[in-house]
Amino acid sequence: MRRVLFFGIIGVGGAAILLWLGFWQMQRLEWKLGVIADIDARIKAAPIPLPDVLDPVQDAYLPVEIRGVVASEYLRVLVSQKEIGAGYRIISAMDMGGRRVLLDRGFTPVDQLDIPAHEGSETVQGNLQWPQETDGFTPEPDINENIWFARDVAAMAEALNTDEVLVVAKQTSFDDAPVSPLPVDTSAIPNDHLQYAITWFSLAAIWIAMTLAFTLRARRAPKQTS
């Protein structure tokens, strides 16, 4: 009887914890979906002129319209695109007359070496972003080959003599081929809460099944006689 009671207590306690973790992940899922929906709405809003003062947290994803001259110098950030393969994000400076900002023009294949230059004032619609793509394992940029391994806004701004402001192009008034825009979206925001919830619920089901099996075995076990 003591063995049955022991397995019952362990089983109920363990199942309760695993189920709680599963329901907690479902709550996190609902919260994350709300965050993503808010960001989507922000990305798709009508663009506004670039504000004078910007906050990397409050103004992330803000849709803006800028006008200026796209500088001829550019940085290449190594990336990979599904069904295309390796390539580069092309990052240029955009001189707005008294203010220079970074412009993420988009993607070009890795074997494309002819990046077009543009003269005259152009208009770009896009979204502000301060991507967190660097960590302790990110290689230093190869300055000689002009290859960067992440979009480091501060470092790129220093290299191109701009403000620490990055506009990711969505639509341009000029033909930038073979560079194609890579607009900001929410596809890169991690959202694994449903998978985590399924894992915890599955573990809870296994735990309950094992508890029942051990309990039945304990009840069927012959009593020892002295």
C-alpha atoms as a PDB file:
ATOM      1  CA  MET A   1       0.000   0.000   0.000  1.00  0.00           C
ATOM      2  CA  ARG A   2       2.854   2.360   0.798  1.00  0.00           C
ATOM      3  CA  ARG A   3       4.402   1.730  -2.617  1.00  0.00           C
ATOM      4  CA  VAL A   4       1.090   2.525  -4.339  1.00  0.00           C
ATOM      5  CA  LEU A   5       0.751   5.721  -2.314  1.00  0.00           C
ATOM      6  CA  PHE A   6       4.352   6.677  -3.109  1.00  0.00           C
ATOM      7  CA  PHE A   7       3.899   6.199  -6.854  1.00  0.00           C
ATOM      8  CA  GLY A   8       0.605   8.094  -6.713  1.00  0.00           C
ATOM      9  CA  ILE A   9       2.146  11.126  -4.994  1.00  0.00           C
ATOM     10  CA  ILE A  10       5.123  11.201  -7.347  1.00  0.00           C
ATOM     11  CA  GLY A  11       2.866  10.730 -10.371  1.00  0.00           C
ATOM     12  CA  VAL A  12       0.380  13.450  -9.463  1.00  0.00           C
ATOM     13  CA  GLY A  13       3.120  15.913  -8.499  1.00  0.00           C
ATOM     14  CA  GLY A  14       5.205  15.315 -11.617  1.00  0.00           C
ATOM     15  CA  ALA A  15       2.192  15.455 -13.941  1.00  0.00           C
ATOM     16  CA  ALA A  16       1.002  18.684 -12.335  1.00  0.00           C
ATOM     17  CA  ILE A  17       4.379  20.345 -12.897  1.00  0.00           C
ATOM     18  CA  LEU A  18       4.602  19.179 -16.514  1.00  0.00           C
ATOM     19  CA  LEU A  19       1.049  20.280 -17.273  1.00  0.00           C
ATOM     20  CA  TRP A  20       1.687  23.665 -15.656  1.00  0.00           C
ATOM     21  CA  LEU A  21       4.732  24.136 -17.879  1.00  0.00           C
ATOM     22  CA  GLY A  22       2.637  23.260 -20.925  1.00  0.00           C
ATOM     23  CA  PHE A  23      -0.114  25.748 -20.056  1.00  0.00           C
ATOM     24  CA  TRP A  24       2.511  28.386 -19.268  1.00  0.00           C
ATOM     25  CA  GLN A  25       3.973  27.944 -22.743  1.00  0.00           C
ATOM     26  CA  MET A  26       0.469  28.343 -24.220  1.00  0.00           C
ATOM     27  CA  GLN A  27       0.160  31.652 -22.373  1.00  0.00           C
ATOM     28  CA  ARG A  28       3.553  32.669 -23.722  1.00  0.00           C
ATOM     29  CA  LEU A  29       2.381  31.692 -27.213  1.00  0.00           C
ATOM     30  CA  GLU A  30      -0.656  33.955 -26.934  1.00  0.00           C
ATOM     31  CA  TRP A  31       1.566  36.798 -25.723  1.00  0.00           C
ATOM     32  CA  LYS A  32       4.109  36.288 -28.544  1.00  0.00           C
ATOM     33  CA  LEU A  33       1.378  36.201 -31.205  1.00  0.00           C
ATOM     34  CA  GLY A  34       0.112  39.519 -29.868  1.00  0.00           C
ATOM     35  CA  VAL A  35       3.599  41.026 -30.016  1.00  0.00           C
ATOM     36  CA  ILE A  36       4.076  39.817 -33.598  1.00  0.00           C
ATOM     37  CA  ALA A  37       0.668  41.173 -34.626  1.00  0.00           C
ATOM     38  CA  ASP A  38       1.576  44.575 -33.163  1.00  0.00           C
ATOM     39  CA  ILE A  39       4.900  44.590 -35.019  1.00  0.00           C
ATOM     40  CA  ASP A  40       3.201  43.566 -38.275  1.00  0.00           C
ATOM     41  CA  ALA A  41       0.743  46.434 -37.930  1.00  0.00           C
ATOM     42  CA  ARG A  42       3.608  48.830 -37.223  1.00  0.00           C
ATOM     43  CA  ILE A  43       5.621  47.637 -40.237  1.00  0.00           C
ATOM     44  CA  LYS A  44       2.652  48.067 -42.604  1.00  0.00           C
ATOM     45  CA  ALA A  45       1.646  51.522 -41.357  1.00  0.00           C
ATOM     46  CA  ALA A  46       1.978  54.564 -43.604  1.00  0.00           C
ATOM     47  CA  PRO A  47       5.546  55.915 -43.703  1.00  0.00           C
ATOM     48  CA  ILE A  48       6.404  59.204 -42.036  1.00  0.00           C
ATOM     49  CA  PRO A  49       9.373  61.584 -42.433  1.00  0.00           C
ATOM     50  CA  LEU A  50      12.419  60.467 -40.489  1.00  0.00           C
ATOM     51  CA  PRO A  51      12.175  61.956 -36.959  1.00  0.00           C
ATOM     52  CA  ASP A  52      15.062  64.077 -35.697  1.00  0.00           C
ATOM     53  CA  VAL A  53      15.379  62.100 -32.459  1.00  0.00           C
ATOM     54  CA  LEU A  54      15.146  58.322 -32.510  1.00  0.00           C
ATOM     55  CA  ASP A  55      15.050  55.601 -29.865  1.00  0.00           C
ATOM     56  CA  PRO A  56      16.267  52.133 -30.927  1.00  0.00           C
ATOM     57  CA  VAL A  57      13.595  50.445 -28.795  1.00  0.00           C
ATOM     58  CA  GLN A  58      10.579  52.678 -29.266  1.00  0.00           C
ATOM     59  CA  ASP A  59      11.263  53.356 -32.957  1.00  0.00           C
ATOM     60  CA  ALA A  60      12.196  49.834 -34.071  1.00  0.00           C
ATOM     61  CA  TYR A  61      10.237  48.904 -37.232  1.00  0.00           C
ATOM     62  CA  LEU A  62       8.969  52.475 -37.640  1.00  0.00           C
ATOM     63  CA  PRO A  63       8.000  53.011 -41.317  1.00  0.00           C
ATOM     64  CA  VAL A  64       9.719  56.086 -42.758  1.00  0.00           C
ATOM     65  CA  GLU A  65      10.288  57.851 -46.060  1.00  0.00           C
ATOM     66  CA  ILE A  66      13.660  59.431 -46.731  1.00  0.00           C
ATOM     67  CA  ARG A  67      15.020  61.399 -49.645  1.00  0.00           C
ATOM     68  CA  GLY A  68      18.639  62.006 -50.562  1.00  0.00           C
ATOM     69  CA  VAL A  69      21.632  60.877 -52.567  1.00  0.00           C
ATOM     70  CA  VAL A  70      22.776  57.263 -52.332  1.00  0.00           C
ATOM     71  CA  ALA A  71      26.536  57.333 -51.827  1.00  0.00           C
ATOM     72  CA  SER A  72      28.702  55.275 -54.154  1.00  0.00           C
ATOM     73  CA  GLU A  73      30.551  53.462 -51.341  1.00  0.00           C
ATOM     74  CA  TYR A  74      28.859  50.440 -49.774  1.00  0.00           C
ATOM     75  CA  LEU A  75      29.393  47.552 -47.369  1.00  0.00           C
ATOM     76  CA  ARG A  76      28.615  43.907 -48.102  1.00  0.00           C
ATOM     77  CA  VAL A  77      27.053  41.798 -45.337  1.00  0.00           C
ATOM     78  CA  LEU A  78      27.180  38.056 -45.956  1.00  0.00           C
ATOM     79  CA  VAL A  79      23.741  36.401 -45.766  1.00  0.00           C
ATOM     80  CA  SER A  80      21.889  33.433 -47.218  1.00  0.00           C
ATOM     81  CA  GLN A  81      18.497  33.320 -48.905  1.00  0.00           C
ATOM     82  CA  LYS A  82      16.285  30.241 -49.242  1.00  0.00           C
ATOM     83  CA  GLU A  83      16.252  28.768 -52.755  1.00  0.00           C
ATOM     84  CA  ILE A  84      18.935  31.258 -53.811  1.00  0.00           C
ATOM     85  CA  GLY A  85      21.926  30.605 -51.608  1.00  0.00           C
ATOM     86  CA  ALA A  86      24.686  32.875 -50.418  1.00  0.00           C
ATOM     87  CA  GLY A  87      24.705  36.567 -51.148  1.00  0.00           C
ATOM     88  CA  TYR A  88      25.220  39.987 -49.643  1.00  0.00           C
ATOM     89  CA  ARG A  89      23.103  42.696 -48.127  1.00  0.00           C
ATOM     90  CA  ILE A  90      24.259  45.954 -49.655  1.00  0.00           C
ATOM     91  CA  ILE A  91      24.537  48.746 -47.091  1.00  0.00           C
ATOM     92  CA  SER A  92      25.122  52.277 -48.378  1.00  0.00           C
ATOM     93  CA  ALA A  93      25.131  55.730 -46.887  1.00  0.00           C
ATOM     94  CA  MET A  94      22.289  58.046 -47.894  1.00  0.00           C
ATOM     95  CA  ASP A  95      23.045  61.756 -47.734  1.00  0.00           C
ATOM     96  CA  MET A  96      19.841  63.604 -46.890  1.00  0.00           C
ATOM     97  CA  GLY A  97      21.487  67.009 -46.856  1.00  0.00           C
ATOM     98  CA  GLY A  98      22.853  67.723 -43.409  1.00  0.00           C
ATOM     99  CA  ARG A  99      22.187  64.181 -42.257  1.00  0.00           C
ATOM    100  CA  ARG A 100      23.581  60.833 -43.375  1.00  0.00           C
ATOM    101  CA  VAL A 101      21.952  57.513 -42.515  1.00  0.00           C
ATOM    102  CA  LEU A 102      22.573  53.880 -43.385  1.00  0.00           C
ATOM    103  CA  LEU A 103      20.454  52.376 -46.151  1.00  0.00           C
ATOM    104  CA  ASP A 104      20.001  48.612 -46.399  1.00  0.00           C
ATOM    105  CA  ARG A 105      19.350  48.381 -50.136  1.00  0.00           C
ATOM    106  CA  GLY A 106      18.700  44.639 -50.143  1.00  0.00           C
ATOM    107  CA  PHE A 107      20.140  41.376 -51.442  1.00  0.00           C
ATOM    108  CA  THR A 108      22.430  40.529 -54.314  1.00  0.00           C
ATOM    109  CA  PRO A 109      23.886  37.091 -55.205  1.00  0.00           C
ATOM    110  CA  VAL A 110      27.386  36.399 -53.985  1.00  0.00           C
ATOM    111  CA  ASP A 111      28.780  36.233 -57.537  1.00  0.00           C
ATOM    112  CA  GLN A 112      27.299  39.617 -58.487  1.00  0.00           C
ATOM    113  CA  LEU A 113      30.110  42.140 -58.321  1.00  0.00           C
ATOM    114  CA  ASP A 114      28.526  44.988 -60.282  1.00  0.00           C
ATOM    115  CA  ILE A 115      26.658  47.090 -57.733  1.00  0.00           C
ATOM    116  CA  PRO A 116      25.014  50.086 -59.410  1.00  0.00           C
ATOM    117  CA  ALA A 117      25.765  53.671 -58.427  1.00  0.00           C
ATOM    118  CA  HIS A 118      23.077  56.348 -58.448  1.00  0.00           C
ATOM    119  CA  GLU A 119      23.211  60.076 -59.032  1.00  0.00           C
ATOM    120  CA  GLY A 120      20.709  62.684 -57.979  1.00  0.00           C
ATOM    121  CA  SER A 121      18.153  62.745 -55.215  1.00  0.00           C
ATOM    122  CA  GLU A 122      16.117  59.578 -54.708  1.00  0.00           C
ATOM    123  CA  THR A 123      13.260  58.536 -52.430  1.00  0.00           C
ATOM    124  CA  VAL A 124      13.196  55.411 -50.286  1.00  0.00           C
ATOM    125  CA  GLN A 125      10.388  53.984 -48.204  1.00  0.00           C
ATOM    126  CA  GLY A 126      11.368  51.459 -45.578  1.00  0.00           C
ATOM    127  CA  ASN A 127      11.532  50.630 -41.893  1.00  0.00           C
ATOM    128  CA  LEU A 128      13.961  51.531 -39.159  1.00  0.00           C
ATOM    129  CA  GLN A 129      15.854  48.673 -37.597  1.00  0.00           C
ATOM    130  CA  TRP A 130      18.665  48.180 -35.112  1.00  0.00           C
ATOM    131  CA  PRO A 131      19.291  44.435 -35.627  1.00  0.00           C
ATOM    132  CA  GLN A 132      20.997  42.460 -32.869  1.00  0.00           C
ATOM    133  CA  GLU A 133      23.069  40.170 -35.075  1.00  0.00           C
ATOM    134  CA  THR A 134      26.443  40.196 -33.334  1.00  0.00           C
ATOM    135  CA  ASP A 135      27.745  38.182 -30.412  1.00  0.00           C
ATOM    136  CA  GLY A 136      31.072  36.984 -29.090  1.00  0.00           C
ATOM    137  CA  PHE A 137      31.410  34.494 -31.951  1.00  0.00           C
ATOM    138  CA  THR A 138      30.806  36.959 -34.811  1.00  0.00           C
ATOM    139  CA  PRO A 139      33.987  37.353 -36.895  1.00  0.00           C
ATOM    140  CA  GLU A 140      35.446  40.791 -37.405  1.00  0.00           C
ATOM    141  CA  PRO A 141      34.655  42.265 -40.824  1.00  0.00           C
ATOM    142  CA  ASP A 142      37.183  41.677 -43.587  1.00  0.00           C
ATOM    143  CA  ILE A 143      37.856  45.280 -44.507  1.00  0.00           C
ATOM    144  CA  ASN A 144      40.164  44.422 -47.422  1.00  0.00           C
ATOM    145  CA  GLU A 145      37.545  42.205 -49.078  1.00  0.00           C
ATOM    146  CA  ASN A 146      34.644  44.381 -47.912  1.00  0.00           C
ATOM    147  CA  ILE A 147      32.845  41.459 -46.276  1.00  0.00           C
ATOM    148  CA  TRP A 148      30.882  41.887 -43.058  1.00  0.00           C
ATOM    149  CA  PHE A 149      29.319  38.995 -41.164  1.00  0.00           C
ATOM    150  CA  ALA A 150      26.516  40.842 -39.393  1.00  0.00           C
ATOM    151  CA  ARG A 151      24.727  44.165 -39.493  1.00  0.00           C
ATOM    152  CA  ASP A 152      26.444  46.063 -36.706  1.00  0.00           C
ATOM    153  CA  VAL A 153      24.793  49.475 -36.938  1.00  0.00           C
ATOM    154  CA  ALA A 154      27.352  51.282 -34.791  1.00  0.00           C
ATOM    155  CA  ALA A 155      30.362  49.857 -36.632  1.00  0.00           C
ATOM    156  CA  MET A 156      28.802  50.354 -40.079  1.00  0.00           C
ATOM    157  CA  ALA A 157      27.871  53.934 -39.207  1.00  0.00           C
ATOM    158  CA  GLU A 158      31.469  54.613 -38.231  1.00  0.00           C
ATOM    159  CA  ALA A 159      32.756  53.021 -41.445  1.00  0.00           C
ATOM    160  CA  LEU A 160      30.442  55.074 -43.681  1.00  0.00           C
ATOM    161  CA  ASN A 161      30.384  58.226 -41.533  1.00  0.00           C
ATOM    162  CA  THR A 162      26.634  58.218 -40.844  1.00  0.00           C
ATOM    163  CA  ASP A 163      24.278  58.459 -37.904  1.00  0.00           C
ATOM    164  CA  GLU A 164      23.591  55.164 -36.142  1.00  0.00           C
ATOM    165  CA  VAL A 165      20.322  54.851 -38.037  1.00  0.00           C
ATOM    166  CA  LEU A 166      19.516  52.023 -40.463  1.00  0.00           C
ATOM    167  CA  VAL A 167      16.633  52.224 -42.932  1.00  0.00           C
ATOM    168  CA  VAL A 168      15.795  48.868 -44.526  1.00  0.00           C
ATOM    169  CA  ALA A 169      14.451  49.612 -47.987  1.00  0.00           C
ATOM    170  CA  LYS A 170      10.988  48.418 -48.946  1.00  0.00           C
ATOM    171  CA  GLN A 171      10.351  50.538 -52.016  1.00  0.00           C
ATOM    172  CA  THR A 172      12.673  52.861 -53.951  1.00  0.00           C
ATOM    173  CA  SER A 173      12.235  55.489 -56.644  1.00  0.00           C
ATOM    174  CA  PHE A 174      15.203  54.046 -58.550  1.00  0.00           C
ATOM    175  CA  ASP A 175      16.003  50.772 -60.267  1.00  0.00           C
ATOM    176  CA  ASP A 176      18.642  49.118 -58.091  1.00  0.00           C
ATOM    177  CA  ALA A 177      18.924  45.818 -59.997  1.00  0.00           C
ATOM    178  CA  PRO A 178      20.549  43.391 -59.422  1.00  0.00           C
ATOM    179  CA  VAL A 179      20.039  44.444 -55.791  1.00  0.00           C
ATOM    180  CA  SER A 180      16.547  43.443 -54.651  1.00  0.00           C
ATOM    181  CA  PRO A 181      15.007  44.838 -51.448  1.00  0.00           C
ATOM    182  CA  LEU A 182      14.733  42.613 -48.387  1.00  0.00           C
ATOM    183  CA  PRO A 183      11.940  44.410 -46.503  1.00  0.00           C
ATOM    184  CA  VAL A 184      11.573  44.080 -42.755  1.00  0.00           C
ATOM    185  CA  ASP A 185       9.123  41.392 -41.651  1.00  0.00           C
ATOM    186  CA  THR A 186       8.432  39.248 -38.599  1.00  0.00           C
ATOM    187  CA  SER A 187       9.560  35.910 -40.023  1.00  0.00           C
ATOM    188  CA  ALA A 188      12.845  36.039 -38.107  1.00  0.00           C
ATOM    189  CA  ILE A 189      11.206  36.587 -34.717  1.00  0.00           C
ATOM    190  CA  PRO A 190      11.487  33.266 -32.846  1.00  0.00           C
ATOM    191  CA  ASN A 191       8.196  31.733 -31.738  1.00  0.00           C
ATOM    192  CA  ASP A 192       8.691  28.162 -30.538  1.00  0.00           C
ATOM    193  CA  HIS A 193       6.189  28.251 -27.673  1.00  0.00           C
ATOM    194  CA  LEU A 194       3.726  25.854 -29.344  1.00  0.00           C
ATOM    195  CA  GLN A 195       6.461  23.251 -29.852  1.00  0.00           C
ATOM    196  CA  TYR A 196       7.534  23.672 -26.227  1.00  0.00           C
ATOM    197  CA  ALA A 197       3.927  23.284 -25.046  1.00  0.00           C
ATOM    198  CA  ILE A 198       3.482  20.111 -27.080  1.00  0.00           C
ATOM    199  CA  THR A 199       6.706  18.751 -25.591  1.00  0.00           C
ATOM    200  CA  TRP A 200       5.591  19.415 -22.004  1.00  0.00           C
ATOM    201  CA  PHE A 201       2.099  17.976 -22.606  1.00  0.00           C
ATOM    202  CA  SER A 202       3.648  14.897 -24.225  1.00  0.00           C
ATOM    203  CA  LEU A 203       5.973  14.417 -21.269  1.00  0.00           C
ATOM    204  CA  ALA A 204       2.997  14.803 -18.928  1.00  0.00           C
ATOM    205  CA  ALA A 205       1.111  12.076 -20.820  1.00  0.00           C
ATOM    206  CA  ILE A 206       4.137   9.760 -20.677  1.00  0.00           C
ATOM    207  CA  TRP A 207       4.607  10.509 -16.969  1.00  0.00           C
ATOM    208  CA  ILE A 208       0.963   9.693 -16.223  1.00  0.00           C
ATOM    209  CA  ALA A 209       1.158   6.450 -18.235  1.00  0.00           C
ATOM    210  CA  MET A 210       4.325   5.388 -16.431  1.00  0.00           C
ATOM    211  CA  THR A 211       2.775   6.242 -13.054  1.00  0.00           C
ATOM    212  CA  LEU A 212      -0.287   4.109 -13.803  1.00  0.00           C
ATOM    213  CA  ALA A 213       1.932   1.241 -14.955  1.00  0.00           C
ATOM    214  CA  PHE A 214       4.095   1.324 -11.817  1.00  0.00           C
ATOM    215  CA  THR A 215       1.027   1.699  -9.587  1.00  0.00           C
ATOM    216  CA  LEU A 216      -0.697  -1.309 -11.137  1.00  0.00           C
ATOM    217  CA  ARG A 217       2.485  -3.356 -10.858  1.00  0.00           C
ATOM    218  CA  ALA A 218       2.870  -2.366  -7.212  1.00  0.00           C
ATOM    219  CA  ARG A 219      -0.727  -3.351  -6.452  1.00  0.00           C
ATOM    220  CA  ARG A 220      -0.310  -6.716  -8.184  1.00  0.00           C
ATOM    221  CA  ALA A 221       2.986  -7.506  -6.516  1.00  0.00           C
ATOM    222  CA  PRO A 222       2.621 -10.392  -3.987  1.00  0.00           C
ATOM    223  CA  LYS A 223       2.850  -9.378  -0.375  1.00  0.00           C
ATOM    224  CA  GLN A 224       5.991 -10.559   1.368  1.00  0.00           C
ATOM    225  CA  THR A 225       5.416 -12.847   4.357  1.00  0.00           C
ATOM    226  CA  SER A 226       7.712 -12.961   7.342  1.00  0.00           C
END
